[in-house]
Amino acid sequence: MSIWINGQPATQLDASDRGLSYGDGLFRTLRLLDGAPLAWRWHWARLQHDCAALRLPCPEAELLLAELAAVSAEWPDAVAKLTLTRGVGPRGYAPPAAPQPTRIVQAGPRVAPPAERYSQGVAVYACALRLGLQPALAGVKHLNRLENVLARAEWQGDEYAEGLLCDSEGWVIEGTMSNLWIRRGRELLTPQLDRCGVSGAARAWVFDTAPKLGYQVREWRLRPADVLAADEAMLCNSLIGFWPIARYQQRRWSVFTASEALNSAWLAPESAISG
C-alpha cells in the first residue's frame, strides 16, 4: 500500500482533522490501469458534484491525476482511494471559514473478484437495516458510512457477495458497496437517489453508455417486488464492473444479457462503443 497526504508520502493524520472527528469529507474509490483511472470522466464529475454539495474546495483534476499515477506506479492494475476532508479545525461542528482541506491518496494492487461472479452471478442478501432519509446528502459519497458498515455485518461467510438495502419507507436504494440496476425487456431501471444512497461513477457511466448498446435507461422508485419481477438484475461499482444477480430472496436468474454487454463495454476504449 502506498499513501500520500497532501502531496507527500505519509501515514499519519492530525487527530483534529474534521474527517476523523465528524466524517466531514468525501471519498472515491477507483481502479487504475497503468496509472490511469478507469472511467475518470465520471469520477471527476461526481467528485465535483459532491464537493459542491459539502461546500468543500475541489482540487484540480491535473493534481489528482498526477498523484493517483504516482501512488499506483508499482502496480499495473491497482485500486486507489481518494479522500478529501475539510482539514484540521477547532472543536465544534461549525466549519472553518477558510478550510484547508486534507487530501489523502492511497493505492494498492487490485485483487480480481472470482470469475464465476460474472459468469454465474452472485447471491444477494436482503439487509434488515434501513437507510435514513437525508435529501441534502443524497447521492454524495461522504465519509459517514456507518449504515453500510452495520448492514455488511448482518451476514458472514461467502454465501452472499453483497447485500441489498432499502430506505426507511421500504424503497430499494442500493447495495452496501454498489448500485443496483434491473432490466425489463430493453429498459434498465435504477433506484432514484434523491433522498439517500450513493450515486457512483459506474452508475453514471451506465446512463451515458447503455443507450449506445440499445437500452433505455431511467431512474425509478423500486420495491423489492420490482426486483423480484425483473428479467435481470445486477450490481455495479468502479472496482467490480457489473455483477449479475443470480439469487435474491426466493428469485433465481440465469439470463445475464445486459450485465454481459455492460461488462464488455466497461473495459473497452470509449471510441469502441458504437453510438
Protein backbone atom coordinates (compact mmCIF):
# COMPACT_ATOMS: atom_id res chain seq x y z
CA MET A 1 0.00 0.00 0.00
CA SER A 2 1.24 3.47 -0.94
CA ILE A 3 -0.22 6.56 0.79
CA TRP A 4 0.25 10.26 0.14
CA ILE A 5 -1.21 13.02 2.31
CA ASN A 6 -1.33 16.50 0.80
CA GLY A 7 1.12 15.55 -1.90
CA GLN A 8 3.73 13.81 0.27
CA PRO A 9 4.29 10.18 1.30
CA ALA A 10 2.84 9.88 4.81
CA THR A 11 0.83 7.57 7.04
CA GLN A 12 -0.24 9.80 9.94
CA LEU A 13 -3.21 12.17 10.15
CA ASP A 14 -3.73 15.03 12.62
CA ALA A 15 -6.19 13.88 15.30
CA SER A 16 -8.02 17.22 14.93
CA ASP A 17 -8.86 16.54 11.27
CA ARG A 18 -12.59 17.01 10.74
CA GLY A 19 -12.78 13.89 8.60
CA LEU A 20 -11.85 11.88 11.67
CA SER A 21 -13.86 13.94 14.16
CA TYR A 22 -17.10 14.35 12.22
CA GLY A 23 -16.87 12.41 8.95
CA ASP A 24 -16.64 15.85 7.34
CA GLY A 25 -15.47 14.91 3.88
CA LEU A 26 -15.92 12.56 0.98
CA PHE A 27 -14.12 9.84 -0.95
CA ARG A 28 -13.93 8.00 -4.24
CA THR A 29 -12.65 4.51 -4.96
CA LEU A 30 -11.09 3.95 -8.37
CA ARG A 31 -9.50 1.23 -10.46
CA LEU A 32 -6.29 2.29 -12.21
CA LEU A 33 -4.76 0.58 -15.23
CA ASP A 34 -1.11 1.60 -15.70
CA GLY A 35 -1.73 4.64 -13.52
CA ALA A 36 -4.79 5.88 -15.42
CA PRO A 37 -8.14 5.79 -13.60
CA LEU A 38 -10.89 3.84 -15.32
CA ALA A 39 -13.97 5.99 -16.11
CA TRP A 40 -12.20 9.11 -14.87
CA ARG A 41 -14.64 11.46 -16.63
CA TRP A 42 -17.50 10.12 -14.50
CA HIS A 43 -15.44 10.03 -11.30
CA TRP A 44 -14.39 13.62 -11.83
CA ALA A 45 -17.98 14.76 -12.43
CA ARG A 46 -19.16 13.01 -9.27
CA LEU A 47 -16.26 14.43 -7.25
CA GLN A 48 -17.08 17.96 -8.35
CA HIS A 49 -20.76 17.41 -7.53
CA ASP A 50 -20.01 16.02 -4.08
CA CYS A 51 -17.54 18.79 -3.22
CA ALA A 52 -20.16 21.36 -4.16
CA ALA A 53 -22.79 19.60 -2.05
CA LEU A 54 -20.49 19.71 1.01
CA ARG A 55 -19.14 23.19 0.17
CA LEU A 56 -15.67 21.69 0.10
CA PRO A 57 -12.94 23.11 -2.18
CA CYS A 58 -12.26 20.67 -5.02
CA PRO A 59 -8.63 20.06 -6.05
CA GLU A 60 -7.60 20.46 -9.66
CA ALA A 61 -8.03 17.39 -11.84
CA GLU A 62 -4.43 17.53 -13.03
CA LEU A 63 -3.15 17.41 -9.45
CA LEU A 64 -5.29 14.39 -8.57
CA LEU A 65 -4.37 12.52 -11.73
CA ALA A 66 -0.67 13.08 -11.10
CA GLU A 67 -0.92 11.86 -7.52
CA LEU A 68 -3.01 8.83 -8.48
CA ALA A 69 -0.41 7.87 -11.07
CA ALA A 70 2.42 8.32 -8.57
CA VAL A 71 0.91 6.24 -5.75
CA SER A 72 -0.08 3.41 -8.13
CA ALA A 73 3.15 3.31 -10.17
CA GLU A 74 4.18 -0.01 -8.61
CA TRP A 75 1.08 -1.89 -9.85
CA PRO A 76 -0.26 -2.10 -13.43
CA ASP A 77 -3.73 -2.95 -12.09
CA ALA A 78 -4.38 -1.01 -8.89
CA VAL A 79 -7.14 0.06 -6.53
CA ALA A 80 -6.96 3.66 -5.33
CA LYS A 81 -8.90 5.61 -2.76
CA LEU A 82 -9.10 9.39 -2.87
CA THR A 83 -10.27 11.05 0.35
CA LEU A 84 -10.93 14.76 0.88
CA THR A 85 -11.72 16.20 4.30
CA ARG A 86 -12.33 19.75 5.44
CA GLY A 87 -8.99 19.56 7.19
CA VAL A 88 -7.94 20.47 10.70
CA GLY A 89 -10.27 22.69 12.66
CA PRO A 90 -11.19 23.77 16.19
CA ARG A 91 -13.53 21.74 18.37
CA GLY A 92 -17.20 22.09 17.44
CA TYR A 93 -19.41 21.45 14.44
CA ALA A 94 -19.06 24.92 12.92
CA PRO A 95 -16.85 24.57 9.81
CA PRO A 96 -13.80 26.82 9.45
CA ALA A 97 -14.44 29.98 7.44
CA ALA A 98 -11.38 29.26 5.29
CA PRO A 99 -10.83 25.48 5.35
CA GLN A 100 -7.52 23.91 4.39
CA PRO A 101 -8.65 20.53 3.04
CA THR A 102 -6.75 17.33 3.72
CA ARG A 103 -6.12 15.26 0.58
CA ILE A 104 -5.35 11.56 1.03
CA VAL A 105 -4.47 9.41 -1.99
CA GLN A 106 -3.68 5.75 -1.46
CA ALA A 107 -3.30 2.73 -3.72
CA GLY A 108 -2.51 -0.96 -3.69
CA PRO A 109 -2.70 -3.95 -6.04
CA ARG A 110 -6.15 -4.98 -7.23
CA VAL A 111 -7.31 -8.49 -6.42
CA ALA A 112 -9.74 -9.60 -9.13
CA PRO A 113 -13.12 -10.98 -8.00
CA PRO A 114 -13.74 -14.68 -8.73
CA ALA A 115 -14.57 -15.19 -12.41
CA GLU A 116 -17.75 -17.10 -11.58
CA ARG A 117 -19.30 -13.94 -10.13
CA TYR A 118 -19.50 -12.68 -13.71
CA SER A 119 -20.36 -15.92 -15.49
CA GLN A 120 -22.73 -17.44 -12.91
CA GLY A 121 -23.92 -14.39 -10.98
CA VAL A 122 -23.99 -13.73 -7.24
CA ALA A 123 -26.33 -14.33 -4.34
CA VAL A 124 -27.53 -11.14 -2.65
CA TYR A 125 -28.61 -10.80 0.97
CA ALA A 126 -31.74 -8.84 1.93
CA CYS A 127 -30.45 -6.48 4.63
CA ALA A 128 -32.63 -5.69 7.65
CA LEU A 129 -31.05 -2.27 8.23
CA ARG A 130 -32.96 0.63 6.67
CA LEU A 131 -31.27 3.72 5.31
CA GLY A 132 -32.28 7.04 6.81
CA LEU A 133 -33.59 9.81 4.56
CA GLN A 134 -31.45 12.93 4.12
CA PRO A 135 -32.01 14.68 0.78
CA ALA A 136 -29.20 17.19 1.41
CA LEU A 137 -26.67 14.34 1.30
CA ALA A 138 -28.45 12.07 -1.18
CA GLY A 139 -26.09 10.73 -3.81
CA VAL A 140 -22.98 12.08 -2.08
CA LYS A 141 -20.18 9.63 -1.27
CA HIS A 142 -19.47 11.24 2.08
CA LEU A 143 -17.40 9.74 4.88
CA ASN A 144 -20.36 8.82 7.12
CA ARG A 145 -20.72 5.17 6.05
CA LEU A 146 -21.77 3.60 9.37
CA GLU A 147 -25.09 2.43 7.91
CA ASN A 148 -23.17 0.42 5.32
CA VAL A 149 -20.84 -0.99 7.96
CA LEU A 150 -23.75 -2.21 10.10
CA ALA A 151 -25.58 -3.63 7.09
CA ARG A 152 -22.50 -5.53 5.94
CA ALA A 153 -22.15 -7.02 9.43
CA GLU A 154 -25.52 -8.76 9.04
CA TRP A 155 -24.04 -11.75 7.20
CA GLN A 156 -20.83 -13.75 7.41
CA GLY A 157 -19.11 -16.16 5.08
CA ASP A 158 -19.10 -16.49 1.30
CA GLU A 159 -22.72 -17.42 0.57
CA TYR A 160 -23.59 -13.81 -0.27
CA ALA A 161 -21.40 -11.47 -2.32
CA GLU A 162 -23.40 -8.35 -1.47
CA GLY A 163 -26.44 -7.11 0.45
CA LEU A 164 -29.33 -5.02 -0.83
CA LEU A 165 -30.53 -2.03 1.20
CA CYS A 166 -33.94 -0.36 1.39
CA ASP A 167 -34.72 3.02 2.91
CA SER A 168 -36.96 3.62 5.93
CA GLU A 169 -40.03 3.64 3.66
CA GLY A 170 -39.22 0.30 2.04
CA TRP A 171 -37.90 1.51 -1.34
CA VAL A 172 -34.87 -0.35 -2.68
CA ILE A 173 -31.86 2.00 -2.81
CA GLU A 174 -28.52 0.22 -3.37
CA GLY A 175 -26.11 -2.47 -2.29
CA THR A 176 -23.82 -1.99 0.69
CA MET A 177 -20.98 -1.18 -1.74
CA SER A 178 -22.72 -0.98 -5.11
CA ASN A 179 -25.53 0.47 -7.17
CA LEU A 180 -28.43 -1.63 -8.43
CA TRP A 181 -29.89 -2.00 -11.93
CA ILE A 182 -32.79 -4.15 -13.09
CA ARG A 183 -33.78 -4.98 -16.66
CA ARG A 184 -37.30 -5.10 -18.05
CA GLY A 185 -37.03 -6.08 -21.69
CA ARG A 186 -34.77 -3.43 -23.26
CA GLU A 187 -35.21 -1.00 -20.37
CA LEU A 188 -32.73 -0.57 -17.50
CA LEU A 189 -34.03 0.90 -14.24
CA THR A 190 -32.03 2.08 -11.23
CA PRO A 191 -33.36 3.40 -7.91
CA GLN A 192 -33.87 7.13 -7.52
CA LEU A 193 -31.25 8.55 -5.17
CA ASP A 194 -32.88 11.86 -4.30
CA ARG A 195 -33.37 11.10 -0.58
CA CYS A 196 -30.46 8.80 0.35
CA GLY A 197 -27.87 6.48 -1.16
CA VAL A 198 -24.62 6.94 -3.08
CA SER A 199 -24.53 7.77 -6.78
CA GLY A 200 -21.43 6.01 -8.08
CA ALA A 201 -19.32 6.67 -11.16
CA ALA A 202 -20.21 3.30 -12.73
CA ARG A 203 -23.91 4.13 -12.30
CA ALA A 204 -23.37 7.47 -14.05
CA TRP A 205 -21.45 5.69 -16.81
CA VAL A 206 -24.46 3.45 -17.50
CA PHE A 207 -26.68 6.46 -18.19
CA ASP A 208 -24.27 7.58 -20.92
CA THR A 209 -23.36 4.16 -22.30
CA ALA A 210 -26.38 1.85 -22.14
CA PRO A 211 -28.37 3.79 -24.78
CA LYS A 212 -25.50 3.17 -27.20
CA LEU A 213 -25.98 -0.54 -26.51
CA GLY A 214 -29.69 -0.40 -27.31
CA TYR A 215 -31.15 0.06 -23.82
CA GLN A 216 -33.49 2.74 -22.50
CA VAL A 217 -32.34 3.99 -19.10
CA ARG A 218 -34.19 5.74 -16.30
CA GLU A 219 -34.39 6.22 -12.55
CA TRP A 220 -37.40 4.74 -10.80
CA ARG A 221 -38.83 4.09 -7.36
CA LEU A 222 -38.36 0.34 -6.87
CA ARG A 223 -39.79 -2.03 -4.29
CA PRO A 224 -38.23 -5.42 -3.53
CA ALA A 225 -41.12 -6.91 -5.51
CA ASP A 226 -39.97 -4.98 -8.59
CA VAL A 227 -36.51 -6.53 -8.28
CA LEU A 228 -38.04 -9.99 -7.91
CA ALA A 229 -40.15 -9.44 -11.04
CA ALA A 230 -37.26 -8.19 -13.19
CA ASP A 231 -35.97 -10.03 -16.25
CA GLU A 232 -32.44 -9.44 -14.95
CA ALA A 233 -30.77 -7.65 -12.02
CA MET A 234 -27.20 -6.56 -11.48
CA LEU A 235 -24.89 -4.63 -9.17
CA CYS A 236 -22.14 -2.26 -10.21
CA ASN A 237 -19.26 -0.22 -8.90
CA SER A 238 -15.96 1.01 -10.26
CA LEU A 239 -13.94 -1.93 -8.97
CA ILE A 240 -16.17 -4.88 -9.80
CA GLY A 241 -17.76 -3.62 -13.00
CA PHE A 242 -21.13 -5.42 -13.23
CA TRP A 243 -22.13 -8.49 -11.24
CA PRO A 244 -25.31 -10.19 -12.41
CA ILE A 245 -27.57 -11.27 -9.56
CA ALA A 246 -28.32 -14.99 -9.65
CA ARG A 247 -30.32 -15.17 -6.38
CA TYR A 248 -32.23 -12.66 -4.28
CA GLN A 249 -34.75 -13.88 -1.72
CA GLN A 250 -36.83 -16.55 -3.49
CA ARG A 251 -35.98 -15.44 -7.04
CA ARG A 252 -33.38 -17.05 -9.29
CA TRP A 253 -31.92 -15.67 -12.55
CA SER A 254 -29.78 -17.30 -15.22
CA VAL A 255 -30.01 -14.83 -18.13
CA PHE A 256 -27.42 -12.05 -17.88
CA THR A 257 -27.54 -10.32 -21.27
CA ALA A 258 -27.37 -6.72 -20.02
CA SER A 259 -24.61 -7.33 -17.48
CA GLU A 260 -22.55 -9.15 -20.10
CA ALA A 261 -22.95 -6.27 -22.56
CA LEU A 262 -22.10 -3.67 -19.93
CA ASN A 263 -19.06 -5.59 -18.69
CA SER A 264 -17.73 -5.82 -22.24
CA ALA A 265 -18.20 -2.08 -22.76
CA TRP A 266 -16.83 -1.15 -19.32
CA LEU A 267 -13.26 -2.15 -20.18
CA ALA A 268 -13.44 -1.18 -23.87
CA PRO A 269 -12.00 2.10 -25.17
CA GLU A 270 -14.73 4.73 -25.27
CA SER A 271 -14.33 5.07 -29.02
CA ALA A 272 -15.10 1.36 -29.45
CA ILE A 273 -18.66 1.80 -28.12
CA SER A 274 -20.89 2.49 -31.10
CA GLY A 275 -23.16 5.49 -30.87
